[in-house]
Amino acid sequence: MAKETVTELDESNDFGFTFHDEEEIVTSSGVTDEVEVLKEKLRTIRKTYLPLLQHLAKDPDKPMIKWPNRKDILDKQIKKMIDLTNVD
């Protein structure tokens, strides 16, 4: 049985697809902008909460932490965290 070779493309059977670079698709779909917004939110979260954790870890030998007015401070930070992590 002889193998058939294709020497010419039949344009009538192109199946309707075309080729694109990955950058064209990502840029044209608006994904790049959304990724940048999410990156900025992550940077803000890091700048906000990393100092808290570093400060808490600073004096591990002391058994007590004095934190006056923490309810108001924490409520404010909880709201900020919810706003930053909202992905709707």
PDB file of N, CA and C in Angstrom:
ATOM      1  N   MET A   1       0.841  -1.172   0.000  1.00  0.00           N
ATOM      2  CA  MET A   1       0.000   0.000   0.000  1.00  0.00           C
ATOM      3  C   MET A   1       0.888   1.238   0.000  1.00  0.00           C
ATOM      4  N   ALA A   2       0.704   2.106  -0.952  1.00  0.00           N
ATOM      5  CA  ALA A   2       1.526   3.309  -1.089  1.00  0.00           C
ATOM      6  C   ALA A   2       1.025   4.391  -0.137  1.00  0.00           C
ATOM      7  N   LYS A   3       1.970   5.106   0.438  1.00  0.00           N
ATOM      8  CA  LYS A   3       1.644   6.200   1.351  1.00  0.00           C
ATOM      9  C   LYS A   3       1.359   7.445   0.533  1.00  0.00           C
ATOM     10  N   GLU A   4       0.233   8.119   0.853  1.00  0.00           N
ATOM     11  CA  GLU A   4      -0.132   9.330   0.124  1.00  0.00           C
ATOM     12  C   GLU A   4       0.592  10.514   0.756  1.00  0.00           C
ATOM     13  N   THR A   5       1.201  11.345  -0.040  1.00  0.00           N
ATOM     14  CA  THR A   5       1.874  12.542   0.464  1.00  0.00           C
ATOM     15  C   THR A   5       1.064  13.762   0.077  1.00  0.00           C
ATOM     16  N   VAL A   6       1.053  14.717   0.965  1.00  0.00           N
ATOM     17  CA  VAL A   6       0.325  15.955   0.716  1.00  0.00           C
ATOM     18  C   VAL A   6       1.321  16.976   0.209  1.00  0.00           C
ATOM     19  N   THR A   7       1.090  17.438  -0.979  1.00  0.00           N
ATOM     20  CA  THR A   7       2.000  18.425  -1.553  1.00  0.00           C
ATOM     21  C   THR A   7       1.366  19.813  -1.596  1.00  0.00           C
ATOM     22  N   GLU A   8       0.069  19.853  -1.585  1.00  0.00           N
ATOM     23  CA  GLU A   8      -0.642  21.130  -1.634  1.00  0.00           C
ATOM     24  C   GLU A   8      -1.690  21.169  -0.538  1.00  0.00           C
ATOM     25  N   LEU A   9      -1.877  22.339   0.070  1.00  0.00           N
ATOM     26  CA  LEU A   9      -2.920  22.495   1.075  1.00  0.00           C
ATOM     27  C   LEU A   9      -4.231  22.805   0.384  1.00  0.00           C
ATOM     28  N   ASP A  10      -5.260  22.142   0.804  1.00  0.00           N
ATOM     29  CA  ASP A  10      -6.593  22.419   0.293  1.00  0.00           C
ATOM     30  C   ASP A  10      -7.220  23.473   1.202  1.00  0.00           C
ATOM     31  N   GLU A  11      -7.266  24.707   0.770  1.00  0.00           N
ATOM     32  CA  GLU A  11      -7.753  25.833   1.572  1.00  0.00           C
ATOM     33  C   GLU A  11      -9.217  25.683   1.978  1.00  0.00           C
ATOM     34  N   SER A  12      -9.968  24.854   1.302  1.00  0.00           N
ATOM     35  CA  SER A  12     -11.374  24.697   1.654  1.00  0.00           C
ATOM     36  C   SER A  12     -11.553  23.856   2.920  1.00  0.00           C
ATOM     37  N   ASN A  13     -10.513  23.179   3.337  1.00  0.00           N
ATOM     38  CA  ASN A  13     -10.576  22.352   4.549  1.00  0.00           C
ATOM     39  C   ASN A  13      -9.620  22.880   5.623  1.00  0.00           C
ATOM     40  N   ASP A  14      -9.733  24.156   5.959  1.00  0.00           N
ATOM     41  CA  ASP A  14      -8.805  24.725   6.944  1.00  0.00           C
ATOM     42  C   ASP A  14      -9.285  24.567   8.385  1.00  0.00           C
ATOM     43  N   PHE A  15     -10.450  24.002   8.604  1.00  0.00           N
ATOM     44  CA  PHE A  15     -11.031  23.717   9.919  1.00  0.00           C
ATOM     45  C   PHE A  15     -11.359  24.968  10.733  1.00  0.00           C
ATOM     46  N   GLY A  16     -11.083  26.152  10.230  1.00  0.00           N
ATOM     47  CA  GLY A  16     -11.501  27.388  10.874  1.00  0.00           C
ATOM     48  C   GLY A  16     -10.632  27.887  12.009  1.00  0.00           C
ATOM     49  N   PHE A  17      -9.420  27.350  12.197  1.00  0.00           N
ATOM     50  CA  PHE A  17      -8.584  27.878  13.273  1.00  0.00           C
ATOM     51  C   PHE A  17      -7.380  28.613  12.698  1.00  0.00           C
ATOM     52  N   THR A  18      -6.805  29.469  13.535  1.00  0.00           N
ATOM     53  CA  THR A  18      -5.586  30.188  13.169  1.00  0.00           C
ATOM     54  C   THR A  18      -4.595  30.089  14.326  1.00  0.00           C
ATOM     55  N   PHE A  19      -3.351  30.420  14.068  1.00  0.00           N
ATOM     56  CA  PHE A  19      -2.306  30.355  15.088  1.00  0.00           C
ATOM     57  C   PHE A  19      -2.025  31.738  15.645  1.00  0.00           C
ATOM     58  N   HIS A  20      -1.742  31.784  16.948  1.00  0.00           N
ATOM     59  CA  HIS A  20      -1.407  33.033  17.626  1.00  0.00           C
ATOM     60  C   HIS A  20      -0.295  32.768  18.631  1.00  0.00           C
ATOM     61  N   ASP A  21       0.462  33.803  18.921  1.00  0.00           N
ATOM     62  CA  ASP A  21       1.446  33.708  19.995  1.00  0.00           C
ATOM     63  C   ASP A  21       0.720  33.792  21.325  1.00  0.00           C
ATOM     64  N   GLU A  22       1.308  33.218  22.370  1.00  0.00           N
ATOM     65  CA  GLU A  22       0.701  33.243  23.707  1.00  0.00           C
ATOM     66  C   GLU A  22       0.496  34.680  24.184  1.00  0.00           C
ATOM     67  N   GLU A  23       1.458  35.553  23.916  1.00  0.00           N
ATOM     68  CA  GLU A  23       1.351  36.955  24.345  1.00  0.00           C
ATOM     69  C   GLU A  23       0.125  37.632  23.747  1.00  0.00           C
ATOM     70  N   GLU A  24      -0.177  37.346  22.498  1.00  0.00           N
ATOM     71  CA  GLU A  24      -1.349  37.951  21.857  1.00  0.00           C
ATOM     72  C   GLU A  24      -2.636  37.561  22.573  1.00  0.00           C
ATOM     73  N   ILE A  25      -2.743  36.316  22.948  1.00  0.00           N
ATOM     74  CA  ILE A  25      -3.960  35.833  23.593  1.00  0.00           C
ATOM     75  C   ILE A  25      -4.079  36.406  24.995  1.00  0.00           C
ATOM     76  N   VAL A  26      -3.006  36.377  25.771  1.00  0.00           N
ATOM     77  CA  VAL A  26      -3.046  36.885  27.142  1.00  0.00           C
ATOM     78  C   VAL A  26      -3.345  38.367  27.143  1.00  0.00           C
ATOM     79  N   THR A  27      -2.687  39.131  26.289  1.00  0.00           N
ATOM     80  CA  THR A  27      -2.891  40.578  26.244  1.00  0.00           C
ATOM     81  C   THR A  27      -4.287  40.915  25.754  1.00  0.00           C
ATOM     82  N   SER A  28      -4.737  40.242  24.740  1.00  0.00           N
ATOM     83  CA  SER A  28      -6.042  40.581  24.177  1.00  0.00           C
ATOM     84  C   SER A  28      -7.191  40.183  25.101  1.00  0.00           C
ATOM     85  N   SER A  29      -6.978  39.234  25.988  1.00  0.00           N
ATOM     86  CA  SER A  29      -8.070  38.797  26.853  1.00  0.00           C
ATOM     87  C   SER A  29      -8.180  39.629  28.123  1.00  0.00           C
ATOM     88  N   GLY A  30      -7.257  40.532  28.373  1.00  0.00           N
ATOM     89  CA  GLY A  30      -7.315  41.376  29.557  1.00  0.00           C
ATOM     90  C   GLY A  30      -6.785  40.700  30.807  1.00  0.00           C
ATOM     91  N   VAL A  31      -6.249  39.508  30.665  1.00  0.00           N
ATOM     92  CA  VAL A  31      -5.737  38.766  31.810  1.00  0.00           C
ATOM     93  C   VAL A  31      -4.536  39.494  32.416  1.00  0.00           C
ATOM     94  N   THR A  32      -3.723  40.106  31.588  1.00  0.00           N
ATOM     95  CA  THR A  32      -2.532  40.789  32.074  1.00  0.00           C
ATOM     96  C   THR A  32      -2.892  41.882  33.067  1.00  0.00           C
ATOM     97  N   ASP A  33      -3.905  42.678  32.770  1.00  0.00           N
ATOM     98  CA  ASP A  33      -4.326  43.743  33.678  1.00  0.00           C
ATOM     99  C   ASP A  33      -4.819  43.183  35.002  1.00  0.00           C
ATOM    100  N   GLU A  34      -5.590  42.118  34.938  1.00  0.00           N
ATOM    101  CA  GLU A  34      -6.119  41.502  36.155  1.00  0.00           C
ATOM    102  C   GLU A  34      -5.004  40.934  37.019  1.00  0.00           C
ATOM    103  N   VAL A  35      -4.007  40.340  36.386  1.00  0.00           N
ATOM    104  CA  VAL A  35      -2.871  39.794  37.116  1.00  0.00           C
ATOM    105  C   VAL A  35      -2.128  40.914  37.834  1.00  0.00           C
ATOM    106  N   GLU A  36      -1.940  42.055  37.173  1.00  0.00           N
ATOM    107  CA  GLU A  36      -1.253  43.182  37.804  1.00  0.00           C
ATOM    108  C   GLU A  36      -2.025  43.715  39.006  1.00  0.00           C
ATOM    109  N   VAL A  37      -3.340  43.779  38.911  1.00  0.00           N
ATOM    110  CA  VAL A  37      -4.168  44.226  40.040  1.00  0.00           C
ATOM    111  C   VAL A  37      -4.004  43.261  41.212  1.00  0.00           C
ATOM    112  N   LEU A  38      -4.035  41.974  40.933  1.00  0.00           N
ATOM    113  CA  LEU A  38      -3.881  40.982  41.995  1.00  0.00           C
ATOM    114  C   LEU A  38      -2.488  41.022  42.611  1.00  0.00           C
ATOM    115  N   LYS A  39      -1.461  41.248  41.795  1.00  0.00           N
ATOM    116  CA  LYS A  39      -0.105  41.372  42.327  1.00  0.00           C
ATOM    117  C   LYS A  39       0.000  42.562  43.277  1.00  0.00           C
ATOM    118  N   GLU A  40      -0.610  43.669  42.910  1.00  0.00           N
ATOM    119  CA  GLU A  40      -0.571  44.857  43.765  1.00  0.00           C
ATOM    120  C   GLU A  40      -1.302  44.596  45.086  1.00  0.00           C
ATOM    121  N   LYS A  41      -2.415  43.883  45.026  1.00  0.00           N
ATOM    122  CA  LYS A  41      -3.128  43.537  46.252  1.00  0.00           C
ATOM    123  C   LYS A  41      -2.261  42.660  47.152  1.00  0.00           C
ATOM    124  N   LEU A  42      -1.550  41.699  46.561  1.00  0.00           N
ATOM    125  CA  LEU A  42      -0.672  40.840  47.351  1.00  0.00           C
ATOM    126  C   LEU A  42       0.466  41.629  47.981  1.00  0.00           C
ATOM    127  N   ARG A  43       1.027  42.583  47.236  1.00  0.00           N
ATOM    128  CA  ARG A  43       2.082  43.431  47.798  1.00  0.00           C
ATOM    129  C   ARG A  43       1.555  44.224  48.994  1.00  0.00           C
ATOM    130  N   THR A  44       0.340  44.745  48.874  1.00  0.00           N
ATOM    131  CA  THR A  44      -0.268  45.509  49.960  1.00  0.00           C
ATOM    132  C   THR A  44      -0.504  44.628  51.179  1.00  0.00           C
ATOM    133  N   ILE A  45      -0.984  43.420  50.960  1.00  0.00           N
ATOM    134  CA  ILE A  45      -1.190  42.488  52.071  1.00  0.00           C
ATOM    135  C   ILE A  45       0.140  42.209  52.770  1.00  0.00           C
ATOM    136  N   ARG A  46       1.178  41.961  51.996  1.00  0.00           N
ATOM    137  CA  ARG A  46       2.494  41.680  52.577  1.00  0.00           C
ATOM    138  C   ARG A  46       2.995  42.878  53.390  1.00  0.00           C
ATOM    139  N   LYS A  47       2.890  44.087  52.828  1.00  0.00           N
ATOM    140  CA  LYS A  47       3.362  45.279  53.538  1.00  0.00           C
ATOM    141  C   LYS A  47       2.552  45.542  54.806  1.00  0.00           C
ATOM    142  N   THR A  48       1.296  45.130  54.818  1.00  0.00           N
ATOM    143  CA  THR A  48       0.428  45.378  55.965  1.00  0.00           C
ATOM    144  C   THR A  48       0.649  44.366  57.077  1.00  0.00           C
ATOM    145  N   TYR A  49       0.753  43.091  56.750  1.00  0.00           N
ATOM    146  CA  TYR A  49       0.728  42.043  57.769  1.00  0.00           C
ATOM    147  C   TYR A  49       2.093  41.477  58.129  1.00  0.00           C
ATOM    148  N   LEU A  50       3.085  41.605  57.291  1.00  0.00           N
ATOM    149  CA  LEU A  50       4.413  41.118  57.631  1.00  0.00           C
ATOM    150  C   LEU A  50       5.003  41.866  58.829  1.00  0.00           C
ATOM    151  N   PRO A  51       4.884  43.187  58.916  1.00  0.00           N
ATOM    152  CA  PRO A  51       5.392  43.875  60.114  1.00  0.00           C
ATOM    153  C   PRO A  51       4.728  43.390  61.408  1.00  0.00           C
ATOM    154  N   LEU A  52       3.447  43.090  61.370  1.00  0.00           N
ATOM    155  CA  LEU A  52       2.761  42.566  62.556  1.00  0.00           C
ATOM    156  C   LEU A  52       3.415  41.263  63.010  1.00  0.00           C
ATOM    157  N   LEU A  53       3.614  40.350  62.087  1.00  0.00           N
ATOM    158  CA  LEU A  53       4.200  39.061  62.429  1.00  0.00           C
ATOM    159  C   LEU A  53       5.639  39.209  62.904  1.00  0.00           C
ATOM    160  N   GLN A  54       6.407  40.096  62.260  1.00  0.00           N
ATOM    161  CA  GLN A  54       7.789  40.326  62.676  1.00  0.00           C
ATOM    162  C   GLN A  54       7.835  40.932  64.081  1.00  0.00           C
ATOM    163  N   HIS A  55       6.922  41.845  64.357  1.00  0.00           N
ATOM    164  CA  HIS A  55       6.878  42.484  65.664  1.00  0.00           C
ATOM    165  C   HIS A  55       6.486  41.477  66.753  1.00  0.00           C
ATOM    166  N   LEU A  56       5.536  40.616  66.458  1.00  0.00           N
ATOM    167  CA  LEU A  56       5.134  39.580  67.421  1.00  0.00           C
ATOM    168  C   LEU A  56       6.274  38.602  67.715  1.00  0.00           C
ATOM    169  N   ALA A  57       7.106  38.334  66.726  1.00  0.00           N
ATOM    170  CA  ALA A  57       8.209  37.390  66.888  1.00  0.00           C
ATOM    171  C   ALA A  57       9.448  38.032  67.527  1.00  0.00           C
ATOM    172  N   LYS A  58       9.434  39.338  67.692  1.00  0.00           N
ATOM    173  CA  LYS A  58      10.622  40.071  68.143  1.00  0.00           C
ATOM    174  C   LYS A  58      11.087  39.680  69.544  1.00  0.00           C
ATOM    175  N   ASP A  59      10.211  39.510  70.492  1.00  0.00           N
ATOM    176  CA  ASP A  59      10.571  39.248  71.889  1.00  0.00           C
ATOM    177  C   ASP A  59       9.954  37.937  72.375  1.00  0.00           C
ATOM    178  N   PRO A  60      10.443  36.800  71.895  1.00  0.00           N
ATOM    179  CA  PRO A  60       9.796  35.527  72.215  1.00  0.00           C
ATOM    180  C   PRO A  60       9.941  35.100  73.675  1.00  0.00           C
ATOM    181  N   ASP A  61      10.884  35.705  74.410  1.00  0.00           N
ATOM    182  CA  ASP A  61      11.095  35.308  75.805  1.00  0.00           C
ATOM    183  C   ASP A  61      10.053  35.896  76.750  1.00  0.00           C
ATOM    184  N   LYS A  62       9.378  36.950  76.337  1.00  0.00           N
ATOM    185  CA  LYS A  62       8.369  37.563  77.200  1.00  0.00           C
ATOM    186  C   LYS A  62       7.047  36.817  77.035  1.00  0.00           C
ATOM    187  N   PRO A  63       6.460  36.374  78.141  1.00  0.00           N
ATOM    188  CA  PRO A  63       5.250  35.556  78.066  1.00  0.00           C
ATOM    189  C   PRO A  63       3.968  36.356  77.797  1.00  0.00           C
ATOM    190  N   MET A  64       3.998  37.659  77.967  1.00  0.00           N
ATOM    191  CA  MET A  64       2.780  38.464  77.825  1.00  0.00           C
ATOM    192  C   MET A  64       2.977  39.534  76.751  1.00  0.00           C
ATOM    193  N   ILE A  65       1.875  39.897  76.106  1.00  0.00           N
ATOM    194  CA  ILE A  65       1.862  40.982  75.126  1.00  0.00           C
ATOM    195  C   ILE A  65       0.847  42.011  75.605  1.00  0.00           C
ATOM    196  N   LYS A  66       1.274  43.250  75.687  1.00  0.00           N
ATOM    197  CA  LYS A  66       0.354  44.331  76.036  1.00  0.00           C
ATOM    198  C   LYS A  66      -0.114  44.960  74.719  1.00  0.00           C
ATOM    199  N   TRP A  67      -1.436  44.947  74.517  1.00  0.00           N
ATOM    200  CA  TRP A  67      -1.977  45.435  73.249  1.00  0.00           C
ATOM    201  C   TRP A  67      -3.273  46.191  73.512  1.00  0.00           C
ATOM    202  N   PRO A  68      -3.155  47.430  73.966  1.00  0.00           N
ATOM    203  CA  PRO A  68      -4.362  48.220  74.241  1.00  0.00           C
ATOM    204  C   PRO A  68      -5.107  48.569  72.947  1.00  0.00           C
ATOM    205  N   ASN A  69      -6.413  48.710  73.048  1.00  0.00           N
ATOM    206  CA  ASN A  69      -7.279  49.089  71.910  1.00  0.00           C
ATOM    207  C   ASN A  69      -7.198  48.100  70.752  1.00  0.00           C
ATOM    208  N   ARG A  70      -6.876  46.856  71.034  1.00  0.00           N
ATOM    209  CA  ARG A  70      -6.682  45.909  69.930  1.00  0.00           C
ATOM    210  C   ARG A  70      -7.953  45.609  69.156  1.00  0.00           C
ATOM    211  N   LYS A  71      -9.117  45.669  69.787  1.00  0.00           N
ATOM    212  CA  LYS A  71     -10.366  45.380  69.068  1.00  0.00           C
ATOM    213  C   LYS A  71     -10.562  46.347  67.908  1.00  0.00           C
ATOM    214  N   ASP A  72     -10.409  47.633  68.151  1.00  0.00           N
ATOM    215  CA  ASP A  72     -10.568  48.624  67.076  1.00  0.00           C
ATOM    216  C   ASP A  72      -9.520  48.434  65.982  1.00  0.00           C
ATOM    217  N   ILE A  73      -8.297  48.208  66.411  1.00  0.00           N
ATOM    218  CA  ILE A  73      -7.196  48.014  65.451  1.00  0.00           C
ATOM    219  C   ILE A  73      -7.448  46.763  64.614  1.00  0.00           C
ATOM    220  N   LEU A  74      -7.820  45.675  65.271  1.00  0.00           N
ATOM    221  CA  LEU A  74      -8.056  44.419  64.554  1.00  0.00           C
ATOM    222  C   LEU A  74      -9.272  44.498  63.636  1.00  0.00           C
ATOM    223  N   ASP A  75     -10.339  45.159  64.085  1.00  0.00           N
ATOM    224  CA  ASP A  75     -11.517  45.326  63.216  1.00  0.00           C
ATOM    225  C   ASP A  75     -11.151  46.074  61.944  1.00  0.00           C
ATOM    226  N   LYS A  76     -10.339  47.098  62.075  1.00  0.00           N
ATOM    227  CA  LYS A  76      -9.890  47.881  60.913  1.00  0.00           C
ATOM    228  C   LYS A  76      -9.052  47.008  59.962  1.00  0.00           C
ATOM    229  N   GLN A  77      -8.149  46.205  60.529  1.00  0.00           N
ATOM    230  CA  GLN A  77      -7.298  45.346  59.713  1.00  0.00           C
ATOM    231  C   GLN A  77      -8.097  44.208  59.068  1.00  0.00           C
ATOM    232  N   ILE A  78      -9.090  43.683  59.772  1.00  0.00           N
ATOM    233  CA  ILE A  78      -9.953  42.639  59.202  1.00  0.00           C
ATOM    234  C   ILE A  78     -10.702  43.182  57.990  1.00  0.00           C
ATOM    235  N   LYS A  79     -11.240  44.387  58.113  1.00  0.00           N
ATOM    236  CA  LYS A  79     -11.935  45.001  56.980  1.00  0.00           C
ATOM    237  C   LYS A  79     -10.980  45.198  55.800  1.00  0.00           C
ATOM    238  N   LYS A  80      -9.771  45.653  56.093  1.00  0.00           N
ATOM    239  CA  LYS A  80      -8.769  45.860  55.036  1.00  0.00           C
ATOM    240  C   LYS A  80      -8.432  44.539  54.345  1.00  0.00           C
ATOM    241  N   MET A  81      -8.271  43.479  55.134  1.00  0.00           N
ATOM    242  CA  MET A  81      -7.959  42.161  54.570  1.00  0.00           C
ATOM    243  C   MET A  81      -9.102  41.666  53.686  1.00  0.00           C
ATOM    244  N   ILE A  82     -10.327  41.841  54.132  1.00  0.00           N
ATOM    245  CA  ILE A  82     -11.487  41.418  53.342  1.00  0.00           C
ATOM    246  C   ILE A  82     -11.544  42.203  52.028  1.00  0.00           C
ATOM    247  N   ASP A  83     -11.318  43.508  52.094  1.00  0.00           N
ATOM    248  CA  ASP A  83     -11.343  44.335  50.884  1.00  0.00           C
ATOM    249  C   ASP A  83     -10.251  43.926  49.899  1.00  0.00           C
ATOM    250  N   LEU A  84      -9.058  43.654  50.406  1.00  0.00           N
ATOM    251  CA  LEU A  84      -7.942  43.282  49.548  1.00  0.00           C
ATOM    252  C   LEU A  84      -8.093  41.897  48.920  1.00  0.00           C
ATOM    253  N   THR A  85      -8.755  41.008  49.629  1.00  0.00           N
ATOM    254  CA  THR A  85      -8.864  39.634  49.128  1.00  0.00           C
ATOM    255  C   THR A  85     -10.177  39.348  48.414  1.00  0.00           C
ATOM    256  N   ASN A  86     -11.003  40.363  48.262  1.00  0.00           N
ATOM    257  CA  ASN A  86     -12.252  40.193  47.540  1.00  0.00           C
ATOM    258  C   ASN A  86     -11.954  40.008  46.049  1.00  0.00           C
ATOM    259  N   VAL A  87     -12.366  38.888  45.484  1.00  0.00           N
ATOM    260  CA  VAL A  87     -12.070  38.596  44.092  1.00  0.00           C
ATOM    261  C   VAL A  87     -13.316  38.551  43.211  1.00  0.00           C
ATOM    262  N   ASP A  88     -14.396  39.140  43.649  1.00  0.00           N
ATOM    263  CA  ASP A  88     -15.636  39.144  42.847  1.00  0.00           C
ATOM    264  C   ASP A  88     -15.474  39.956  41.598  1.00  0.00           C
TER     265      ASP A  88
END
